[in-house]
């Protein structure tokens, strides 16, 4: 079995390659070619949680065992740690293991920017949150030729990321006013309050990836039209004319993402949400006008991790990788 360290993953998969791989994964999932059992959360309250995420596709099976401990940086430890395991789906052979944090960052940045490109308009982009995943989103935007504003409550951290990536430091208000905004926060406080979004904006909400997290007010969700990934497209009722919410997976997002708060408040139902993957294959409608507000609610999917793992293993022969005898 070969092992990809974090540096190996980043050497093997560029931000642009990651975006293409993630797009292909969403399409394969929407067509029923890839499958993904539900993510399993193992809470370790109040410090954080463990997550087990399986997927099957492209002739391979994947299992991701990963942590999310938001308080770790204050202890000098990473928030996200774990392993991604990739097996041959024809005979069960374990082929490779990957540093989960690097895979997570690549696919998070790629998914955020893919949603912005699919659902948003051209114009200035912004990333709120300069952690590992936020930096990945910045790098992906930059690789796609977008001008990027960056904001983080930790100004020094934001400055360091801006220097490494070529992003421009911005105030919170300027970042939140950009045409396309990616939020990669711990999800402990609402970033978009009621009435804060303006016509034409796109927001990729990447931080509320677990129970109890929230980056947008429920009242703000009611103003938009809604899409998702893992069920048949439902008809919209026509009473939300200015935008749509796009989630990567309905069953997951409706239990763990920002959408759970709207579902619990009985202001959104399954019929309000269609699939991002269907938008990519043309069976669901995306942005209808320049005034639409589009929101992508992402909880993080194992098919995304599988896409990055498969993209990395394509280049295994070019890299000097560690090997583990089993």
Protein backbone atom coordinates (compact mmCIF):
# COMPACT_ATOMS: atom_id res chain seq x y z
CA UNK A 1 0.00 0.00 0.00
CA UNK A 2 1.27 3.47 -0.82
CA UNK A 3 0.93 6.46 1.49
CA UNK A 4 0.33 10.06 0.39
CA UNK A 5 1.46 12.61 2.96
CA UNK A 6 -0.12 16.03 2.92
CA UNK A 7 2.69 17.33 0.72
CA UNK A 8 2.28 14.34 -1.60
CA UNK A 9 -1.44 15.06 -2.02
CA UNK A 10 -0.76 18.69 -2.83
CA UNK A 11 1.99 17.76 -5.31
CA UNK A 12 -0.23 15.21 -7.01
CA UNK A 13 -3.40 17.31 -7.31
CA UNK A 14 -3.40 20.97 -8.30
CA UNK A 15 -6.37 23.20 -7.37
CA UNK A 16 -7.56 23.17 -10.99
CA UNK A 17 -7.29 19.38 -11.22
CA UNK A 18 -9.19 19.14 -7.93
CA UNK A 19 -12.01 21.28 -9.30
CA UNK A 20 -12.31 19.14 -12.44
CA UNK A 21 -12.29 15.96 -10.33
CA UNK A 22 -14.97 17.30 -7.99
CA UNK A 23 -17.15 18.31 -10.92
CA UNK A 24 -16.87 14.80 -12.35
CA UNK A 25 -17.75 13.31 -8.98
CA UNK A 26 -20.91 15.40 -8.61
CA UNK A 27 -21.97 14.40 -12.11
CA UNK A 28 -21.29 10.70 -11.51
CA UNK A 29 -23.22 10.86 -8.25
CA UNK A 30 -26.17 12.64 -9.85
CA UNK A 31 -26.29 9.98 -12.57
CA UNK A 32 -26.25 7.18 -10.00
CA UNK A 33 -22.85 5.92 -11.11
CA UNK A 34 -21.25 6.57 -7.71
CA UNK A 35 -22.83 5.72 -4.35
CA UNK A 36 -22.34 7.11 -0.87
CA UNK A 37 -23.81 5.78 2.39
CA UNK A 38 -24.57 8.45 5.02
CA UNK A 39 -21.75 10.04 6.98
CA UNK A 40 -21.48 8.77 10.56
CA UNK A 41 -20.75 11.27 13.34
CA UNK A 42 -19.17 10.16 16.60
CA UNK A 43 -19.52 13.16 18.94
CA UNK A 44 -16.78 13.86 21.47
CA UNK A 45 -18.60 16.78 23.10
CA UNK A 46 -17.80 19.48 23.77
CA UNK A 47 -14.37 19.34 22.15
CA UNK A 48 -15.25 18.05 18.68
CA UNK A 49 -16.24 14.96 16.75
CA UNK A 50 -15.06 12.02 14.68
CA UNK A 51 -16.51 11.23 11.25
CA UNK A 52 -16.59 8.04 9.17
CA UNK A 53 -17.36 8.64 5.49
CA UNK A 54 -17.62 5.83 2.89
CA UNK A 55 -18.06 6.05 -0.89
CA UNK A 56 -17.94 3.78 -3.94
CA UNK A 57 -17.16 4.79 -7.52
CA UNK A 58 -14.65 4.66 -10.33
CA UNK A 59 -13.82 1.03 -9.54
CA UNK A 60 -12.75 1.94 -6.02
CA UNK A 61 -14.14 2.10 -2.50
CA UNK A 62 -13.12 4.75 0.02
CA UNK A 63 -13.36 5.25 3.75
CA UNK A 64 -12.44 8.53 5.40
CA UNK A 65 -11.87 8.62 9.17
CA UNK A 66 -11.44 12.24 10.15
CA UNK A 67 -11.74 14.57 13.13
CA UNK A 68 -13.03 18.09 13.63
CA UNK A 69 -11.79 19.69 16.85
CA UNK A 70 -12.22 23.48 16.42
CA UNK A 71 -10.31 24.32 19.61
CA UNK A 72 -7.16 22.52 18.52
CA UNK A 73 -5.35 25.49 16.91
CA UNK A 74 -5.22 27.19 20.30
CA UNK A 75 -3.34 24.10 21.51
CA UNK A 76 -0.99 24.12 18.55
CA UNK A 77 -2.82 21.19 16.92
CA UNK A 78 -4.66 21.00 13.58
CA UNK A 79 -8.46 21.07 13.57
CA UNK A 80 -8.71 18.26 11.03
CA UNK A 81 -6.71 15.03 11.24
CA UNK A 82 -7.23 11.52 9.97
CA UNK A 83 -6.77 9.10 7.10
CA UNK A 84 -8.44 8.38 3.79
CA UNK A 85 -8.24 4.73 2.71
CA UNK A 86 -8.69 3.68 -0.93
CA UNK A 87 -9.41 0.09 -1.98
CA UNK A 88 -9.85 -1.73 -5.27
CA UNK A 89 -13.60 -2.41 -5.52
CA UNK A 90 -13.11 -5.56 -7.59
CA UNK A 91 -11.07 -7.53 -5.07
CA UNK A 92 -10.94 -5.49 -1.86
CA UNK A 93 -7.21 -4.79 -2.01
CA UNK A 94 -6.21 -1.76 0.05
CA UNK A 95 -4.23 0.34 -2.43
CA UNK A 96 -3.46 3.66 -0.77
CA UNK A 97 -3.81 5.83 2.30
CA UNK A 98 -3.90 9.62 2.26
CA UNK A 99 -3.51 12.42 4.76
CA UNK A 100 -7.14 13.37 5.39
CA UNK A 101 -6.51 17.05 6.13
CA UNK A 102 -4.88 17.64 2.74
CA UNK A 103 -7.63 15.78 0.89
CA UNK A 104 -10.28 17.69 2.85
CA UNK A 105 -8.74 21.07 2.09
CA UNK A 106 -8.43 20.38 -1.64
CA UNK A 107 -11.97 19.12 -2.04
CA UNK A 108 -13.45 21.85 0.16
CA UNK A 109 -11.80 24.60 -1.88
CA UNK A 110 -12.74 22.91 -5.14
CA UNK A 111 -16.38 22.35 -4.18
CA UNK A 112 -16.77 25.93 -2.98
CA UNK A 113 -15.40 27.39 -6.20
CA UNK A 114 -17.23 24.88 -8.41
CA UNK A 115 -20.50 26.00 -6.83
CA UNK A 116 -19.57 29.65 -7.28
CA UNK A 117 -18.78 29.11 -10.95
CA UNK A 118 -21.87 26.98 -11.59
CA UNK A 119 -24.36 29.12 -9.69
CA UNK A 120 -22.82 32.57 -9.39
CA UNK A 121 -21.93 35.45 -11.65
CA UNK A 122 -18.58 36.76 -12.80
CA UNK A 123 -16.99 39.34 -10.55
CA UNK A 124 -14.97 39.71 -7.41
CA UNK A 125 -14.69 36.70 -5.11
CA UNK A 126 -14.08 36.67 -1.38
CA UNK A 127 -13.17 34.06 1.21
CA UNK A 128 -14.12 34.50 4.86
CA UNK A 129 -11.88 32.35 7.02
CA UNK A 130 -8.13 31.92 6.48
CA UNK A 131 -7.65 28.46 7.92
CA UNK A 132 -6.40 25.49 5.91
CA UNK A 133 -9.66 25.03 4.02
CA UNK A 134 -10.10 28.77 3.48
CA UNK A 135 -6.61 28.96 1.99
CA UNK A 136 -7.52 26.11 -0.35
CA UNK A 137 -10.57 28.05 -1.54
CA UNK A 138 -8.40 31.12 -2.16
CA UNK A 139 -5.88 29.07 -4.13
CA UNK A 140 -8.65 27.55 -6.25
CA UNK A 141 -10.16 30.95 -7.06
CA UNK A 142 -6.71 32.29 -7.94
CA UNK A 143 -6.02 29.27 -10.16
CA UNK A 144 -9.25 30.07 -12.00
CA UNK A 145 -8.13 33.65 -12.61
CA UNK A 146 -10.43 35.33 -10.08
CA UNK A 147 -9.54 38.36 -8.00
CA UNK A 148 -9.93 37.32 -4.36
CA UNK A 149 -10.56 39.27 -1.18
CA UNK A 150 -9.68 37.58 2.10
CA UNK A 151 -10.96 38.25 5.60
CA UNK A 152 -10.31 36.49 8.88
CA UNK A 153 -10.90 37.63 12.43
CA UNK A 154 -7.22 36.80 12.97
CA UNK A 155 -5.62 39.56 10.90
CA UNK A 156 -2.12 38.08 11.10
CA UNK A 157 -3.30 34.71 9.84
CA UNK A 158 -5.14 36.38 6.97
CA UNK A 159 -2.05 38.42 6.08
CA UNK A 160 0.11 35.29 5.96
CA UNK A 161 -2.34 33.49 3.66
CA UNK A 162 -2.71 36.57 1.47
CA UNK A 163 1.06 36.77 1.07
CA UNK A 164 1.28 33.08 0.08
CA UNK A 165 -1.65 33.14 -2.34
CA UNK A 166 -1.86 36.62 -3.82
CA UNK A 167 -5.23 37.43 -2.27
CA UNK A 168 -6.02 40.97 -1.13
CA UNK A 169 -6.78 41.63 2.53
CA UNK A 170 -10.25 43.04 3.06
CA UNK A 171 -12.56 44.19 5.81
CA UNK A 172 -15.38 41.89 6.87
CA UNK A 173 -17.98 44.15 5.25
CA UNK A 174 -16.12 44.31 1.93
CA UNK A 175 -15.62 40.55 1.85
CA UNK A 176 -19.28 39.83 2.57
CA UNK A 177 -20.33 42.22 -0.21
CA UNK A 178 -18.39 40.40 -2.95
CA UNK A 179 -20.17 38.83 -5.92
CA UNK A 180 -19.13 35.33 -4.82
CA UNK A 181 -18.42 34.64 -1.15
CA UNK A 182 -17.03 31.48 0.39
CA UNK A 183 -17.40 31.15 4.15
CA UNK A 184 -15.08 28.67 5.87
CA UNK A 185 -15.63 29.54 9.52
CA UNK A 186 -15.95 27.30 12.60
CA UNK A 187 -19.73 27.74 12.25
CA UNK A 188 -20.19 28.96 15.80
CA UNK A 189 -21.80 32.26 14.79
CA UNK A 190 -24.04 33.48 12.00
CA UNK A 191 -22.10 35.25 9.23
CA UNK A 192 -25.11 36.28 7.12
CA UNK A 193 -27.89 37.84 9.18
CA UNK A 194 -31.45 38.40 7.99
CA UNK A 195 -31.54 40.82 5.06
CA UNK A 196 -27.77 40.84 4.54
CA UNK A 197 -27.57 39.23 1.10
CA UNK A 198 -28.02 41.43 -1.95
CA UNK A 199 -29.54 40.53 -5.30
CA UNK A 200 -27.16 38.62 -7.55
CA UNK A 201 -24.82 37.31 -4.87
CA UNK A 202 -23.61 33.75 -4.55
CA UNK A 203 -22.47 32.27 -1.24
CA UNK A 204 -20.80 28.90 -0.69
CA UNK A 205 -21.39 28.01 2.96
CA UNK A 206 -18.62 25.54 3.85
CA UNK A 207 -18.30 25.92 7.62
CA UNK A 208 -21.53 24.46 9.00
CA UNK A 209 -20.50 20.86 8.37
CA UNK A 210 -21.77 19.29 11.56
CA UNK A 211 -24.55 19.36 14.14
CA UNK A 212 -25.05 22.66 15.95
CA UNK A 213 -23.13 24.76 13.41
CA UNK A 214 -24.64 27.67 11.49
CA UNK A 215 -23.32 30.38 9.15
CA UNK A 216 -26.58 31.92 7.89
CA UNK A 217 -29.81 33.03 9.58
CA UNK A 218 -32.89 30.91 8.94
CA UNK A 219 -34.78 34.07 7.98
CA UNK A 220 -32.24 34.69 5.23
CA UNK A 221 -32.70 31.20 3.81
CA UNK A 222 -36.41 31.87 3.35
CA UNK A 223 -35.61 34.59 0.79
CA UNK A 224 -33.95 32.16 -1.60
CA UNK A 225 -34.92 29.28 -3.88
CA UNK A 226 -33.47 25.96 -2.91
CA UNK A 227 -31.42 23.12 -4.50
CA UNK A 228 -29.61 19.96 -3.27
CA UNK A 229 -27.87 16.77 -4.41
CA UNK A 230 -29.35 13.46 -3.20
CA UNK A 231 -33.00 13.15 -4.13
CA UNK A 232 -35.30 13.68 -7.09
CA UNK A 233 -35.80 17.29 -8.04
CA UNK A 234 -38.95 18.83 -6.59
CA UNK A 235 -40.93 21.67 -8.07
CA UNK A 236 -40.34 25.07 -6.47
CA UNK A 237 -43.44 26.84 -5.26
CA UNK A 238 -42.59 30.18 -6.85
CA UNK A 239 -42.69 32.22 -3.65
CA UNK A 240 -38.92 32.66 -3.38
CA UNK A 241 -38.11 34.65 -6.53
CA UNK A 242 -34.61 35.96 -5.90
CA UNK A 243 -32.35 32.94 -5.45
CA UNK A 244 -31.81 29.31 -4.63
CA UNK A 245 -29.95 27.38 -1.96
CA UNK A 246 -27.79 24.62 -3.35
CA UNK A 247 -26.72 21.86 -0.98
CA UNK A 248 -24.37 19.01 -1.83
CA UNK A 249 -26.48 16.26 -0.23
CA UNK A 250 -30.05 16.58 1.04
CA UNK A 251 -30.04 13.79 3.63
CA UNK A 252 -26.74 15.02 5.02
CA UNK A 253 -27.39 18.75 4.75
CA UNK A 254 -30.90 18.48 6.16
CA UNK A 255 -29.48 16.85 9.28
CA UNK A 256 -26.09 18.50 9.69
CA UNK A 257 -25.69 21.63 7.53
CA UNK A 258 -27.16 25.11 7.61
CA UNK A 259 -30.37 23.73 6.14
CA UNK A 260 -31.14 21.72 9.28
CA UNK A 261 -32.09 24.93 11.10
CA UNK A 262 -34.55 25.89 8.36
CA UNK A 263 -35.97 22.36 8.25
CA UNK A 264 -36.45 22.33 12.01
CA UNK A 265 -38.17 25.72 11.79
CA UNK A 266 -40.52 24.24 9.15
CA UNK A 267 -39.67 26.92 6.58
CA UNK A 268 -37.92 24.53 4.17
CA UNK A 269 -38.91 21.03 3.10
CA UNK A 270 -37.44 18.42 0.83
CA UNK A 271 -39.56 19.76 -2.00
CA UNK A 272 -37.73 23.10 -1.72
CA UNK A 273 -34.31 21.62 -2.50
CA UNK A 274 -32.98 20.25 -5.80
CA UNK A 275 -29.60 18.83 -6.74
CA UNK A 276 -26.39 20.65 -7.57
CA UNK A 277 -25.32 17.59 -9.53
CA UNK A 278 -28.50 17.87 -11.57
CA UNK A 279 -27.61 21.47 -12.39
CA UNK A 280 -24.28 20.22 -13.74
CA UNK A 281 -25.91 17.59 -15.96
CA UNK A 282 -28.66 19.97 -17.07
CA UNK A 283 -31.67 18.30 -15.45
CA UNK A 284 -32.15 21.08 -12.89
CA UNK A 285 -32.15 24.80 -13.52
CA UNK A 286 -29.45 26.96 -12.02
CA UNK A 287 -29.29 30.74 -11.94
CA UNK A 288 -32.21 32.24 -13.85
CA UNK A 289 -31.29 35.91 -13.70
CA UNK A 290 -28.62 38.32 -12.52
CA UNK A 291 -30.79 39.07 -9.49
CA UNK A 292 -30.94 35.51 -8.20
CA UNK A 293 -29.28 34.92 -4.84
CA UNK A 294 -27.67 31.48 -4.86
CA UNK A 295 -26.46 29.66 -1.79
CA UNK A 296 -24.52 26.40 -1.75
CA UNK A 297 -24.79 24.65 1.62
CA UNK A 298 -21.96 22.12 1.89
CA UNK A 299 -21.47 19.57 4.63
CA UNK A 300 -18.67 17.74 2.79
CA UNK A 301 -19.18 14.50 0.89
CA UNK A 302 -17.19 11.29 0.69
CA UNK A 303 -17.58 11.32 -3.10
CA UNK A 304 -15.48 14.49 -3.07
CA UNK A 305 -12.76 12.74 -1.08
CA UNK A 306 -12.94 9.82 -3.51
CA UNK A 307 -12.50 12.21 -6.44
CA UNK A 308 -9.34 13.71 -4.93
CA UNK A 309 -7.95 10.27 -4.01
CA UNK A 310 -8.46 8.99 -7.56
CA UNK A 311 -6.87 12.12 -9.01
CA UNK A 312 -3.87 11.68 -6.71
CA UNK A 313 -3.35 8.00 -7.45
CA UNK A 314 -3.20 8.80 -11.18
CA UNK A 315 0.17 10.41 -10.49
CA UNK A 316 1.49 7.88 -7.99
CA UNK A 317 4.18 6.63 -10.36
CA UNK A 318 5.57 10.17 -10.71
CA UNK A 319 6.07 10.64 -6.97
CA UNK A 320 8.49 9.07 -4.54
CA UNK A 321 5.86 7.72 -2.16
CA UNK A 322 6.22 5.75 1.05
CA UNK A 323 5.06 2.14 0.92
CA UNK A 324 3.54 0.17 3.76
CA UNK A 325 3.55 -3.62 3.89
CA UNK A 326 0.29 -5.07 5.18
